Amino acid sequence: MARLLASGLGIVLPMLPGADLNLFQQLNQELGSLCQEPPVQAVKVCRLHARLVHR
């Protein structure tokens, strides 16, 4: 999650109505695991995740 927070999303997410930071943390962890060796169907999602994390 530190990467997600460093990307600036940590500032934006709490402002979103109904945003559950814990769910975003879980999603970030799962995407991180998936994107280590992504299946062909997940490549686009992993590229988006990388762009968000590495800002």
Protein backbone atom coordinates (compact mmCIF):
# COMPACT_ATOMS: atom_id res chain seq x y z
CA MET A 1 0.00 0.00 0.00
CA ALA A 2 2.93 2.31 0.54
CA ARG A 3 3.41 2.41 -3.21
CA LEU A 4 -0.26 3.20 -3.73
CA LEU A 5 -0.10 5.98 -1.16
CA ALA A 6 3.10 7.32 -2.70
CA SER A 7 1.35 7.51 -6.06
CA GLY A 8 -0.92 10.24 -4.80
CA LEU A 9 -3.95 7.99 -4.63
CA GLY A 10 -3.66 8.03 -0.86
CA ILE A 11 -4.61 11.68 -0.98
CA VAL A 12 -7.50 11.23 -3.42
CA LEU A 13 -9.09 8.03 -2.13
CA PRO A 14 -10.18 9.31 1.30
CA MET A 15 -12.02 12.12 -0.48
CA LEU A 16 -14.14 9.68 -2.49
CA PRO A 17 -17.52 9.11 -0.86
CA GLY A 18 -17.74 5.57 0.45
CA ALA A 19 -14.08 4.80 -0.31
CA ASP A 20 -12.88 1.89 1.80
CA LEU A 21 -9.12 2.26 2.09
CA ASN A 22 -8.78 -1.31 3.32
CA LEU A 23 -10.36 -2.60 0.10
CA PHE A 24 -7.94 -0.53 -1.97
CA GLN A 25 -5.05 -1.97 0.06
CA GLN A 26 -6.28 -5.50 -0.59
CA LEU A 27 -6.77 -4.77 -4.28
CA ASN A 28 -3.26 -3.32 -4.53
CA GLN A 29 -1.78 -6.42 -2.86
CA GLU A 30 -3.70 -8.80 -5.11
CA LEU A 31 -2.76 -6.89 -8.25
CA GLY A 32 0.87 -6.83 -7.13
CA SER A 33 0.82 -10.62 -6.76
CA LEU A 34 -1.03 -11.19 -10.04
CA CYS A 35 1.26 -8.89 -11.98
CA GLN A 36 4.47 -10.70 -10.99
CA GLU A 37 3.76 -13.15 -13.83
CA PRO A 38 0.50 -12.00 -15.40
CA PRO A 39 -1.57 -14.20 -17.67
CA VAL A 40 -2.18 -12.76 -21.13
CA GLN A 41 -5.68 -11.61 -20.13
CA ALA A 42 -4.29 -9.47 -17.27
CA VAL A 43 -1.49 -7.62 -19.07
CA LYS A 44 -3.50 -4.43 -19.64
CA VAL A 45 -4.66 -4.35 -16.02
CA CYS A 46 -1.10 -4.89 -14.83
CA ARG A 47 0.17 -2.03 -16.99
CA LEU A 48 -2.45 0.28 -15.49
CA HIS A 49 -1.54 -0.90 -11.99
CA ALA A 50 2.14 -0.24 -12.68
CA ARG A 51 1.36 3.28 -13.88
CA LEU A 52 -0.58 4.03 -10.71
CA VAL A 53 1.99 2.50 -8.37
CA HIS A 54 5.11 3.99 -9.95
CA ARG A 55 4.08 7.64 -10.07
